[in-house]
Amino acid sequence: MFQRNLGKSDITVSLLGLGCWAIGGDAWGKVNDQESIRAIHRALDLGVTFYDTANVYGGGHSERVLGEALGTKRSDVIVATKFGNGQDEQTGQPFSKQSAAQFIVNACEASLRRLNTDYIDLYQFHLNNYDPLDAEPVRNALDSLVQSGKIRYYGWSTDGPEQAQAFADSEHYIAVQQRLNLFEGDETTLAVCEEHNLASINRGPLAMGLLTGKYSNESQLSSDDIRGRNMSWIKSFTNGKPNAMWLSRLEQVRHILASEGRTLTQGALAWLWGRSTQTIPIPGFKTVEQVEENVRAITFGPLREEQMQTIGNLLND
């Protein structure tokens, strides 16, 4: 099992983590909790040691399922969750976005209860575009949580380089969770991670499924799936239709991504590892089979430098 350091911390994690948004059941269609638990157990068996969730995923349901699945294995893994957004688990109604110190403390306590743990390894600010000039109280609250032992380290889930850099001089700030895949990602934000030795945790590493090769121009996702709605921040799908230009570009590099026995999914993950030594992709999952395919990418490792260069040349033509 290949591993990477989680930024400048002393934490080592598997080369790939698992993103637990889909198992919250609020945005990706119907989900079976027992299948989710089986999938996490399979990931544990395969050596995955990093799991990322948020208090807003299913109003906390994702955290509950993850906590139940980990059980006595909790101390063997690294758990990351987020704060700043929120919604009622029963009604699905969103709470207002919050960054006040007491809200952060309360949100942390609620996540600890749902995760059935007494500490969080990585606690991430979830307000992507929050003004970094106003973020000092957030940092102070997080430092207090570190001192109290509630969290070990903290990070920011953001695509903005200014936000990514705002806490960089803190010894407990170790990660930026940014959207990064073959077609998306802020290069300057990634450069901040490389400059300050921060983990670049990659959400959307498969472009919300488009890079798996499962979709065509004829595909249509239903409205109970977030990709089936008109969400301006989702670039890979529009009203349930895959991005036609991206599908075309994917065909241009399919032969490289799927070379050496890889599936397209595994090639897309290998591209991320080849892109930077800071990257840790966290593909989502709903089934055991998806976990197995994602984790098998580790056995192939990163794409080689010449493969990365060829992909770059083809996509930049």
C-alpha atoms as a PDB file:
ATOM      1  CA  MET A   1       0.000   0.000   0.000  1.00  0.00           C
ATOM      2  CA  PHE A   2       1.580   3.247  -1.160  1.00  0.00           C
ATOM      3  CA  GLN A   3       1.300   6.075   1.365  1.00  0.00           C
ATOM      4  CA  ARG A   4       1.691   9.841   1.593  1.00  0.00           C
ATOM      5  CA  ASN A   5       2.204  12.251   4.445  1.00  0.00           C
ATOM      6  CA  LEU A   6      -0.779  14.413   5.302  1.00  0.00           C
ATOM      7  CA  GLY A   7       0.970  17.678   4.590  1.00  0.00           C
ATOM      8  CA  LYS A   8       3.548  18.824   7.122  1.00  0.00           C
ATOM      9  CA  SER A   9       2.069  16.684   9.904  1.00  0.00           C
ATOM     10  CA  ASP A  10       3.465  13.412  11.189  1.00  0.00           C
ATOM     11  CA  ILE A  11       0.360  11.603   9.885  1.00  0.00           C
ATOM     12  CA  THR A  12       0.795   9.045   7.110  1.00  0.00           C
ATOM     13  CA  VAL A  13      -2.272   8.003   5.114  1.00  0.00           C
ATOM     14  CA  SER A  14      -3.033   5.686   2.233  1.00  0.00           C
ATOM     15  CA  LEU A  15      -2.341   7.169  -1.198  1.00  0.00           C
ATOM     16  CA  LEU A  16      -6.106   7.358  -1.674  1.00  0.00           C
ATOM     17  CA  GLY A  17      -8.870   8.209   0.778  1.00  0.00           C
ATOM     18  CA  LEU A  18     -12.616   7.816   0.503  1.00  0.00           C
ATOM     19  CA  GLY A  19     -15.053  10.718   0.191  1.00  0.00           C
ATOM     20  CA  CYS A  20     -18.236  10.063   2.151  1.00  0.00           C
ATOM     21  CA  TRP A  21     -20.640  12.620   0.675  1.00  0.00           C
ATOM     22  CA  ALA A  22     -22.641  10.102  -1.349  1.00  0.00           C
ATOM     23  CA  ILE A  23     -23.354   7.837   1.623  1.00  0.00           C
ATOM     24  CA  GLY A  24     -25.102  10.737   3.363  1.00  0.00           C
ATOM     25  CA  GLY A  25     -28.007   9.996   1.042  1.00  0.00           C
ATOM     26  CA  ASP A  26     -29.117  13.587   0.475  1.00  0.00           C
ATOM     27  CA  ALA A  27     -27.625  14.499  -2.875  1.00  0.00           C
ATOM     28  CA  TRP A  28     -26.731  11.402  -4.875  1.00  0.00           C
ATOM     29  CA  GLY A  29     -29.982   9.475  -4.940  1.00  0.00           C
ATOM     30  CA  LYS A  30     -31.016   6.538  -2.806  1.00  0.00           C
ATOM     31  CA  VAL A  31     -28.403   4.929  -0.627  1.00  0.00           C
ATOM     32  CA  ASN A  32     -28.353   1.721   1.407  1.00  0.00           C
ATOM     33  CA  ASP A  33     -26.679   2.216   4.791  1.00  0.00           C
ATOM     34  CA  GLN A  34     -25.750  -1.430   5.142  1.00  0.00           C
ATOM     35  CA  GLU A  35     -24.078  -1.395   1.723  1.00  0.00           C
ATOM     36  CA  SER A  36     -22.244   1.775   2.745  1.00  0.00           C
ATOM     37  CA  ILE A  37     -20.978   0.035   5.872  1.00  0.00           C
ATOM     38  CA  ARG A  38     -19.927  -3.031   3.898  1.00  0.00           C
ATOM     39  CA  ALA A  39     -18.061  -0.772   1.482  1.00  0.00           C
ATOM     40  CA  ILE A  40     -16.186   0.939   4.316  1.00  0.00           C
ATOM     41  CA  HIS A  41     -15.334  -2.423   5.849  1.00  0.00           C
ATOM     42  CA  ARG A  42     -13.970  -3.535   2.483  1.00  0.00           C
ATOM     43  CA  ALA A  43     -11.898  -0.375   2.255  1.00  0.00           C
ATOM     44  CA  LEU A  44     -10.480  -1.060   5.713  1.00  0.00           C
ATOM     45  CA  ASP A  45      -9.580  -4.595   4.629  1.00  0.00           C
ATOM     46  CA  LEU A  46      -7.808  -3.153   1.572  1.00  0.00           C
ATOM     47  CA  GLY A  47      -5.742  -0.750   3.667  1.00  0.00           C
ATOM     48  CA  VAL A  48      -7.532   2.575   3.196  1.00  0.00           C
ATOM     49  CA  THR A  49      -6.722   4.717   6.218  1.00  0.00           C
ATOM     50  CA  PHE A  50      -8.235   8.114   5.314  1.00  0.00           C
ATOM     51  CA  TYR A  51     -11.968   8.958   5.352  1.00  0.00           C
ATOM     52  CA  ASP A  52     -13.450  12.385   4.603  1.00  0.00           C
ATOM     53  CA  THR A  53     -16.963  13.520   5.498  1.00  0.00           C
ATOM     54  CA  ALA A  54     -18.816  16.674   6.624  1.00  0.00           C
ATOM     55  CA  ASN A  55     -21.537  17.693   9.027  1.00  0.00           C
ATOM     56  CA  VAL A  56     -23.677  18.792   6.067  1.00  0.00           C
ATOM     57  CA  TYR A  57     -23.663  15.457   4.221  1.00  0.00           C
ATOM     58  CA  GLY A  58     -27.174  14.189   4.818  1.00  0.00           C
ATOM     59  CA  GLY A  59     -27.468  16.573   7.748  1.00  0.00           C
ATOM     60  CA  GLY A  60     -24.932  14.475   9.622  1.00  0.00           C
ATOM     61  CA  HIS A  61     -26.070  11.077   8.355  1.00  0.00           C
ATOM     62  CA  SER A  62     -22.759  10.430   6.592  1.00  0.00           C
ATOM     63  CA  GLU A  63     -20.891  11.026   9.860  1.00  0.00           C
ATOM     64  CA  ARG A  64     -23.188   8.618  11.691  1.00  0.00           C
ATOM     65  CA  VAL A  65     -22.725   5.872   9.103  1.00  0.00           C
ATOM     66  CA  LEU A  66     -18.958   6.349   9.057  1.00  0.00           C
ATOM     67  CA  GLY A  67     -18.777   6.255  12.855  1.00  0.00           C
ATOM     68  CA  GLU A  68     -20.811   3.065  12.961  1.00  0.00           C
ATOM     69  CA  ALA A  69     -18.733   1.422  10.238  1.00  0.00           C
ATOM     70  CA  LEU A  70     -15.380   2.247  11.818  1.00  0.00           C
ATOM     71  CA  GLY A  71     -16.347   0.967  15.258  1.00  0.00           C
ATOM     72  CA  THR A  72     -13.311  -0.448  17.026  1.00  0.00           C
ATOM     73  CA  LYS A  73     -11.113   0.409  14.015  1.00  0.00           C
ATOM     74  CA  ARG A  74     -11.431   4.143  14.708  1.00  0.00           C
ATOM     75  CA  SER A  75      -7.914   4.480  16.114  1.00  0.00           C
ATOM     76  CA  ASP A  76      -6.457   2.764  13.030  1.00  0.00           C
ATOM     77  CA  VAL A  77      -7.615   5.449  10.591  1.00  0.00           C
ATOM     78  CA  ILE A  78      -7.571   9.195   9.977  1.00  0.00           C
ATOM     79  CA  VAL A  79     -10.986  10.875  10.001  1.00  0.00           C
ATOM     80  CA  ALA A  80     -11.577  14.271   8.423  1.00  0.00           C
ATOM     81  CA  THR A  81     -14.818  16.217   8.655  1.00  0.00           C
ATOM     82  CA  LYS A  82     -15.962  19.796   8.028  1.00  0.00           C
ATOM     83  CA  PHE A  83     -17.895  22.680   9.572  1.00  0.00           C
ATOM     84  CA  GLY A  84     -19.410  25.969   8.436  1.00  0.00           C
ATOM     85  CA  ASN A  85     -22.403  24.594   6.583  1.00  0.00           C
ATOM     86  CA  GLY A  86     -25.136  22.474   8.095  1.00  0.00           C
ATOM     87  CA  GLN A  87     -28.625  21.109   7.681  1.00  0.00           C
ATOM     88  CA  ASP A  88     -31.225  19.389   9.802  1.00  0.00           C
ATOM     89  CA  GLU A  89     -30.829  15.615   9.483  1.00  0.00           C
ATOM     90  CA  GLN A  90     -34.576  15.018   9.745  1.00  0.00           C
ATOM     91  CA  THR A  91     -35.982  17.788   7.547  1.00  0.00           C
ATOM     92  CA  GLY A  92     -33.049  18.483   5.224  1.00  0.00           C
ATOM     93  CA  GLN A  93     -33.443  22.205   5.841  1.00  0.00           C
ATOM     94  CA  PRO A  94     -30.134  24.097   5.663  1.00  0.00           C
ATOM     95  CA  PHE A  95     -28.795  26.155   8.527  1.00  0.00           C
ATOM     96  CA  SER A  96     -27.272  29.544   7.856  1.00  0.00           C
ATOM     97  CA  LYS A  97     -23.556  29.475   7.119  1.00  0.00           C
ATOM     98  CA  GLN A  98     -21.672  30.058  10.340  1.00  0.00           C
ATOM     99  CA  SER A  99     -18.131  30.991  11.329  1.00  0.00           C
ATOM    100  CA  ALA A 100     -18.495  32.339  14.887  1.00  0.00           C
ATOM    101  CA  ALA A 101     -16.283  30.720  17.519  1.00  0.00           C
ATOM    102  CA  GLN A 102     -19.123  29.256  19.590  1.00  0.00           C
ATOM    103  CA  PHE A 103     -20.746  27.818  16.478  1.00  0.00           C
ATOM    104  CA  ILE A 104     -17.453  26.114  15.582  1.00  0.00           C
ATOM    105  CA  VAL A 105     -17.197  24.593  19.064  1.00  0.00           C
ATOM    106  CA  ASN A 106     -20.819  23.415  18.963  1.00  0.00           C
ATOM    107  CA  ALA A 107     -20.425  22.007  15.448  1.00  0.00           C
ATOM    108  CA  CYS A 108     -17.325  20.110  16.540  1.00  0.00           C
ATOM    109  CA  GLU A 109     -19.124  18.586  19.535  1.00  0.00           C
ATOM    110  CA  ALA A 110     -22.022  17.520  17.309  1.00  0.00           C
ATOM    111  CA  SER A 111     -19.666  15.884  14.810  1.00  0.00           C
ATOM    112  CA  LEU A 112     -17.844  14.082  17.604  1.00  0.00           C
ATOM    113  CA  ARG A 113     -21.150  12.618  18.806  1.00  0.00           C
ATOM    114  CA  ARG A 114     -22.215  11.497  15.341  1.00  0.00           C
ATOM    115  CA  LEU A 115     -18.795  10.000  14.573  1.00  0.00           C
ATOM    116  CA  ASN A 116     -18.792   8.269  17.966  1.00  0.00           C
ATOM    117  CA  THR A 117     -15.276   9.480  18.714  1.00  0.00           C
ATOM    118  CA  ASP A 118     -13.561  11.827  21.140  1.00  0.00           C
ATOM    119  CA  TYR A 119     -11.244  13.472  18.606  1.00  0.00           C
ATOM    120  CA  ILE A 120     -11.176  14.509  14.947  1.00  0.00           C
ATOM    121  CA  ASP A 121      -7.901  14.112  13.078  1.00  0.00           C
ATOM    122  CA  LEU A 122      -8.518  16.841  10.494  1.00  0.00           C
ATOM    123  CA  TYR A 123     -11.207  19.522  10.940  1.00  0.00           C
ATOM    124  CA  GLN A 124     -11.853  21.550   7.789  1.00  0.00           C
ATOM    125  CA  PHE A 125     -13.461  24.957   7.284  1.00  0.00           C
ATOM    126  CA  HIS A 126     -16.167  24.353   4.666  1.00  0.00           C
ATOM    127  CA  LEU A 127     -16.890  27.897   3.461  1.00  0.00           C
ATOM    128  CA  ASN A 128     -15.072  27.926   0.131  1.00  0.00           C
ATOM    129  CA  ASN A 129     -15.134  31.666  -0.608  1.00  0.00           C
ATOM    130  CA  TYR A 130     -14.964  33.077   2.928  1.00  0.00           C
ATOM    131  CA  ASP A 131     -12.947  36.292   3.040  1.00  0.00           C
ATOM    132  CA  PRO A 132      -9.508  35.346   4.382  1.00  0.00           C
ATOM    133  CA  LEU A 133      -9.196  38.837   5.906  1.00  0.00           C
ATOM    134  CA  ASP A 134     -12.080  37.917   8.244  1.00  0.00           C
ATOM    135  CA  ALA A 135     -10.817  34.442   9.071  1.00  0.00           C
ATOM    136  CA  GLU A 136      -8.579  35.112  12.072  1.00  0.00           C
ATOM    137  CA  PRO A 137     -11.357  34.312  14.615  1.00  0.00           C
ATOM    138  CA  VAL A 138     -11.925  31.007  12.800  1.00  0.00           C
ATOM    139  CA  ARG A 139      -8.245  30.164  13.142  1.00  0.00           C
ATOM    140  CA  ASN A 140      -8.273  31.101  16.827  1.00  0.00           C
ATOM    141  CA  ALA A 141     -11.258  28.850  17.477  1.00  0.00           C
ATOM    142  CA  LEU A 142      -9.544  25.982  15.680  1.00  0.00           C
ATOM    143  CA  ASP A 143      -6.328  26.487  17.659  1.00  0.00           C
ATOM    144  CA  SER A 144      -8.393  26.325  20.849  1.00  0.00           C
ATOM    145  CA  LEU A 145      -9.930  23.036  19.711  1.00  0.00           C
ATOM    146  CA  VAL A 146      -6.425  21.679  19.106  1.00  0.00           C
ATOM    147  CA  GLN A 147      -5.368  22.743  22.598  1.00  0.00           C
ATOM    148  CA  SER A 148      -8.419  21.062  24.128  1.00  0.00           C
ATOM    149  CA  GLY A 149      -7.686  17.796  22.284  1.00  0.00           C
ATOM    150  CA  LYS A 150     -10.940  17.830  20.317  1.00  0.00           C
ATOM    151  CA  ILE A 151      -9.082  18.041  16.999  1.00  0.00           C
ATOM    152  CA  ARG A 152      -5.506  17.231  15.997  1.00  0.00           C
ATOM    153  CA  TYR A 153      -5.106  19.426  12.916  1.00  0.00           C
ATOM    154  CA  TYR A 154      -7.198  21.655  10.702  1.00  0.00           C
ATOM    155  CA  GLY A 155      -7.564  22.636   7.051  1.00  0.00           C
ATOM    156  CA  TRP A 156      -9.709  24.630   4.635  1.00  0.00           C
ATOM    157  CA  SER A 157     -11.964  23.214   1.928  1.00  0.00           C
ATOM    158  CA  THR A 158     -11.464  25.904  -0.691  1.00  0.00           C
ATOM    159  CA  ASP A 159     -10.477  26.436  -4.298  1.00  0.00           C
ATOM    160  CA  GLY A 160      -9.102  29.912  -3.668  1.00  0.00           C
ATOM    161  CA  PRO A 161      -5.343  30.441  -3.312  1.00  0.00           C
ATOM    162  CA  GLU A 162      -5.807  33.378  -0.917  1.00  0.00           C
ATOM    163  CA  GLN A 163      -7.944  31.261   1.379  1.00  0.00           C
ATOM    164  CA  ALA A 164      -5.567  28.307   1.042  1.00  0.00           C
ATOM    165  CA  GLN A 165      -2.652  30.440   2.179  1.00  0.00           C
ATOM    166  CA  ALA A 166      -4.417  32.289   5.007  1.00  0.00           C
ATOM    167  CA  PHE A 167      -3.459  29.860   7.798  1.00  0.00           C
ATOM    168  CA  ALA A 168      -0.274  28.506   6.218  1.00  0.00           C
ATOM    169  CA  ASP A 169       2.033  29.702   9.001  1.00  0.00           C
ATOM    170  CA  SER A 170       0.158  27.682  11.646  1.00  0.00           C
ATOM    171  CA  GLU A 171       1.788  24.423  12.693  1.00  0.00           C
ATOM    172  CA  HIS A 172      -1.643  22.783  12.957  1.00  0.00           C
ATOM    173  CA  TYR A 173      -2.852  23.820   9.492  1.00  0.00           C
ATOM    174  CA  ILE A 174      -1.922  20.920   7.217  1.00  0.00           C
ATOM    175  CA  ALA A 175      -4.392  20.550   4.342  1.00  0.00           C
ATOM    176  CA  VAL A 176      -6.379  22.249   1.599  1.00  0.00           C
ATOM    177  CA  GLN A 177      -9.290  20.372   0.106  1.00  0.00           C
ATOM    178  CA  GLN A 178      -9.583  21.570  -3.479  1.00  0.00           C
ATOM    179  CA  ARG A 179     -11.539  20.443  -6.510  1.00  0.00           C
ATOM    180  CA  LEU A 180      -8.920  18.865  -8.736  1.00  0.00           C
ATOM    181  CA  ASN A 181      -9.129  16.421 -11.611  1.00  0.00           C
ATOM    182  CA  LEU A 182      -8.043  16.037 -15.219  1.00  0.00           C
ATOM    183  CA  PHE A 183     -10.258  18.954 -16.312  1.00  0.00           C
ATOM    184  CA  GLU A 184     -10.669  21.103 -13.199  1.00  0.00           C
ATOM    185  CA  GLY A 185      -8.542  22.728 -10.546  1.00  0.00           C
ATOM    186  CA  ASP A 186      -6.831  25.939  -9.567  1.00  0.00           C
ATOM    187  CA  GLU A 187      -3.114  25.546 -10.275  1.00  0.00           C
ATOM    188  CA  THR A 188      -2.244  28.452  -7.980  1.00  0.00           C
ATOM    189  CA  THR A 189      -4.025  26.768  -5.074  1.00  0.00           C
ATOM    190  CA  LEU A 190      -2.074  23.591  -5.748  1.00  0.00           C
ATOM    191  CA  ALA A 191       1.126  25.661  -5.836  1.00  0.00           C
ATOM    192  CA  VAL A 192       0.279  27.014  -2.362  1.00  0.00           C
ATOM    193  CA  CYS A 193       0.066  23.426  -1.123  1.00  0.00           C
ATOM    194  CA  GLU A 194       3.426  22.593  -2.663  1.00  0.00           C
ATOM    195  CA  GLU A 195       5.094  25.746  -1.320  1.00  0.00           C
ATOM    196  CA  HIS A 196       3.869  25.283   2.257  1.00  0.00           C
ATOM    197  CA  ASN A 197       3.897  21.469   2.391  1.00  0.00           C
ATOM    198  CA  LEU A 198       0.120  21.203   2.740  1.00  0.00           C
ATOM    199  CA  ALA A 199      -1.818  18.156   1.634  1.00  0.00           C
ATOM    200  CA  SER A 200      -3.922  18.791  -1.466  1.00  0.00           C
ATOM    201  CA  ILE A 201      -6.974  16.667  -0.729  1.00  0.00           C
ATOM    202  CA  ASN A 202      -8.756  16.273  -4.048  1.00  0.00           C
ATOM    203  CA  ARG A 203     -12.530  16.368  -4.036  1.00  0.00           C
ATOM    204  CA  GLY A 204     -14.196  15.554  -7.324  1.00  0.00           C
ATOM    205  CA  PRO A 205     -11.170  13.557  -8.526  1.00  0.00           C
ATOM    206  CA  LEU A 206     -13.368  11.755 -11.066  1.00  0.00           C
ATOM    207  CA  ALA A 207     -15.271  14.906 -12.129  1.00  0.00           C
ATOM    208  CA  MET A 208     -18.353  13.623 -10.292  1.00  0.00           C
ATOM    209  CA  GLY A 209     -18.211  10.372 -12.243  1.00  0.00           C
ATOM    210  CA  LEU A 210     -17.627  11.691 -15.750  1.00  0.00           C
ATOM    211  CA  LEU A 211     -14.048  10.362 -15.783  1.00  0.00           C
ATOM    212  CA  THR A 212     -15.202   6.815 -15.050  1.00  0.00           C
ATOM    213  CA  GLY A 213     -16.253   6.364 -18.682  1.00  0.00           C
ATOM    214  CA  LYS A 214     -19.750   5.280 -17.647  1.00  0.00           C
ATOM    215  CA  TYR A 215     -21.493   8.189 -19.349  1.00  0.00           C
ATOM    216  CA  SER A 216     -22.099   9.214 -22.957  1.00  0.00           C
ATOM    217  CA  ASN A 217     -23.784  12.105 -24.735  1.00  0.00           C
ATOM    218  CA  GLU A 218     -27.053  10.158 -24.462  1.00  0.00           C
ATOM    219  CA  SER A 219     -26.888   9.786 -20.674  1.00  0.00           C
ATOM    220  CA  GLN A 220     -29.485  11.555 -18.522  1.00  0.00           C
ATOM    221  CA  LEU A 221     -29.353  11.601 -14.729  1.00  0.00           C
ATOM    222  CA  SER A 222     -32.503  12.072 -12.677  1.00  0.00           C
ATOM    223  CA  SER A 223     -33.267  15.079 -10.477  1.00  0.00           C
ATOM    224  CA  ASP A 224     -32.821  13.112  -7.242  1.00  0.00           C
ATOM    225  CA  ASP A 225     -29.111  13.128  -8.098  1.00  0.00           C
ATOM    226  CA  ILE A 226     -27.357  16.475  -7.571  1.00  0.00           C
ATOM    227  CA  ARG A 227     -25.798  16.115 -11.026  1.00  0.00           C
ATOM    228  CA  GLY A 228     -29.317  16.072 -12.464  1.00  0.00           C
ATOM    229  CA  ARG A 229     -30.053  19.576 -11.202  1.00  0.00           C
ATOM    230  CA  ASN A 230     -28.996  22.942 -12.563  1.00  0.00           C
ATOM    231  CA  MET A 231     -26.096  23.706 -10.205  1.00  0.00           C
ATOM    232  CA  SER A 232     -23.776  26.409 -11.548  1.00  0.00           C
ATOM    233  CA  TRP A 233     -20.721  25.085  -9.708  1.00  0.00           C
ATOM    234  CA  ILE A 234     -21.007  21.629 -11.301  1.00  0.00           C
ATOM    235  CA  LYS A 235     -19.130  21.793 -14.603  1.00  0.00           C
ATOM    236  CA  SER A 236     -19.092  18.087 -15.478  1.00  0.00           C
ATOM    237  CA  PHE A 237     -22.898  17.779 -15.767  1.00  0.00           C
ATOM    238  CA  THR A 238     -25.682  20.243 -16.621  1.00  0.00           C
ATOM    239  CA  ASN A 239     -29.247  19.264 -15.774  1.00  0.00           C
ATOM    240  CA  GLY A 240     -28.181  15.624 -15.804  1.00  0.00           C
ATOM    241  CA  LYS A 241     -26.342  15.730 -19.133  1.00  0.00           C
ATOM    242  CA  PRO A 242     -22.586  15.086 -19.200  1.00  0.00           C
ATOM    243  CA  ASN A 243     -20.323  17.866 -20.408  1.00  0.00           C
ATOM    244  CA  ALA A 244     -19.998  17.003 -24.107  1.00  0.00           C
ATOM    245  CA  MET A 245     -16.693  18.814 -24.555  1.00  0.00           C
ATOM    246  CA  TRP A 246     -15.151  16.953 -21.629  1.00  0.00           C
ATOM    247  CA  LEU A 247     -16.394  13.622 -22.973  1.00  0.00           C
ATOM    248  CA  SER A 248     -14.675  14.417 -26.264  1.00  0.00           C
ATOM    249  CA  ARG A 249     -11.444  15.392 -24.538  1.00  0.00           C
ATOM    250  CA  LEU A 250     -11.586  12.243 -22.424  1.00  0.00           C
ATOM    251  CA  GLU A 251     -11.632  10.181 -25.608  1.00  0.00           C
ATOM    252  CA  GLN A 252      -8.426  11.917 -26.709  1.00  0.00           C
ATOM    253  CA  VAL A 253      -6.524  10.567 -23.696  1.00  0.00           C
ATOM    254  CA  ARG A 254      -8.444   7.351 -23.023  1.00  0.00           C
ATOM    255  CA  HIS A 255      -5.654   5.184 -24.448  1.00  0.00           C
ATOM    256  CA  ILE A 256      -3.166   6.571 -21.934  1.00  0.00           C
ATOM    257  CA  LEU A 257      -5.411   6.560 -18.880  1.00  0.00           C
ATOM    258  CA  ALA A 258      -6.548   3.007 -19.578  1.00  0.00           C
ATOM    259  CA  SER A 259      -3.089   1.691 -20.429  1.00  0.00           C
ATOM    260  CA  GLU A 260      -1.184  -0.994 -18.511  1.00  0.00           C
ATOM    261  CA  GLY A 261      -4.372  -2.678 -17.328  1.00  0.00           C
ATOM    262  CA  ARG A 262      -5.970   0.328 -15.655  1.00  0.00           C
ATOM    263  CA  THR A 263      -9.624   1.260 -15.958  1.00  0.00           C
ATOM    264  CA  LEU A 264     -10.407   4.886 -16.836  1.00  0.00           C
ATOM    265  CA  THR A 265     -11.242   5.480 -13.174  1.00  0.00           C
ATOM    266  CA  GLN A 266      -7.861   4.164 -12.105  1.00  0.00           C
ATOM    267  CA  GLY A 267      -6.103   6.197 -14.791  1.00  0.00           C
ATOM    268  CA  ALA A 268      -7.786   9.408 -13.641  1.00  0.00           C
ATOM    269  CA  LEU A 269      -6.602   8.752 -10.080  1.00  0.00           C
ATOM    270  CA  ALA A 270      -3.107   7.889 -11.329  1.00  0.00           C
ATOM    271  CA  TRP A 271      -3.018  11.241 -13.157  1.00  0.00           C
ATOM    272  CA  LEU A 272      -3.610  13.049  -9.863  1.00  0.00           C
ATOM    273  CA  TRP A 273      -0.754  11.209  -8.155  1.00  0.00           C
ATOM    274  CA  GLY A 274       1.466  12.040 -11.100  1.00  0.00           C
ATOM    275  CA  ARG A 275       0.449  15.691 -10.962  1.00  0.00           C
ATOM    276  CA  SER A 276       1.939  16.427  -7.521  1.00  0.00           C
ATOM    277  CA  THR A 277       3.438  14.677  -4.513  1.00  0.00           C
ATOM    278  CA  GLN A 278       0.957  16.582  -2.326  1.00  0.00           C
ATOM    279  CA  THR A 279      -2.227  15.119  -3.840  1.00  0.00           C
ATOM    280  CA  ILE A 280      -4.532  12.707  -2.027  1.00  0.00           C
ATOM    281  CA  PRO A 281      -7.696  12.008  -4.052  1.00  0.00           C
ATOM    282  CA  ILE A 282     -10.889  11.106  -2.191  1.00  0.00           C
ATOM    283  CA  PRO A 283     -13.269   9.512  -4.713  1.00  0.00           C
ATOM    284  CA  GLY A 284     -16.823   8.998  -3.560  1.00  0.00           C
ATOM    285  CA  PHE A 285     -18.538   5.622  -3.339  1.00  0.00           C
ATOM    286  CA  LYS A 286     -21.870   3.917  -2.717  1.00  0.00           C
ATOM    287  CA  THR A 287     -20.970   0.268  -3.261  1.00  0.00           C
ATOM    288  CA  VAL A 288     -18.313  -2.301  -2.451  1.00  0.00           C
ATOM    289  CA  GLU A 289     -17.493  -2.611  -6.153  1.00  0.00           C
ATOM    290  CA  GLN A 290     -16.737   1.089  -6.462  1.00  0.00           C
ATOM    291  CA  VAL A 291     -14.406   0.928  -3.477  1.00  0.00           C
ATOM    292  CA  GLU A 292     -12.566  -2.049  -4.933  1.00  0.00           C
ATOM    293  CA  GLU A 293     -12.057  -0.361  -8.294  1.00  0.00           C
ATOM    294  CA  ASN A 294     -10.862   2.874  -6.713  1.00  0.00           C
ATOM    295  CA  VAL A 295      -8.439   1.194  -4.324  1.00  0.00           C
ATOM    296  CA  ARG A 296      -6.986  -1.061  -7.017  1.00  0.00           C
ATOM    297  CA  ALA A 297      -5.623   2.103  -8.645  1.00  0.00           C
ATOM    298  CA  ILE A 298      -2.994   2.121  -5.890  1.00  0.00           C
ATOM    299  CA  THR A 299      -1.458  -1.105  -7.191  1.00  0.00           C
ATOM    300  CA  PHE A 300      -0.574   0.711 -10.432  1.00  0.00           C
ATOM    301  CA  GLY A 301       0.710   3.888  -8.776  1.00  0.00           C
ATOM    302  CA  PRO A 302       1.088   7.290 -10.488  1.00  0.00           C
ATOM    303  CA  LEU A 303       1.288   7.781 -14.228  1.00  0.00           C
ATOM    304  CA  ARG A 304       4.849   8.093 -15.466  1.00  0.00           C
ATOM    305  CA  GLU A 305       6.296  11.491 -16.343  1.00  0.00           C
ATOM    306  CA  GLU A 306       6.187  10.816 -20.076  1.00  0.00           C
ATOM    307  CA  GLN A 307       2.529   9.765 -19.831  1.00  0.00           C
ATOM    308  CA  MET A 308       1.697  12.958 -17.959  1.00  0.00           C
ATOM    309  CA  GLN A 309       3.489  14.991 -20.606  1.00  0.00           C
ATOM    310  CA  THR A 310       1.635  13.288 -23.450  1.00  0.00           C
ATOM    311  CA  ILE A 311      -1.725  13.906 -21.780  1.00  0.00           C
ATOM    312  CA  GLY A 312      -0.793  17.545 -21.271  1.00  0.00           C
ATOM    313  CA  ASN A 313       0.165  17.937 -24.926  1.00  0.00           C
ATOM    314  CA  LEU A 314      -3.040  16.308 -26.167  1.00  0.00           C
ATOM    315  CA  LEU A 315      -5.321  18.350 -23.933  1.00  0.00           C
ATOM    316  CA  ASN A 316      -3.547  21.610 -24.715  1.00  0.00           C
ATOM    317  CA  ASP A 317      -3.726  21.226 -28.502  1.00  0.00           C
END
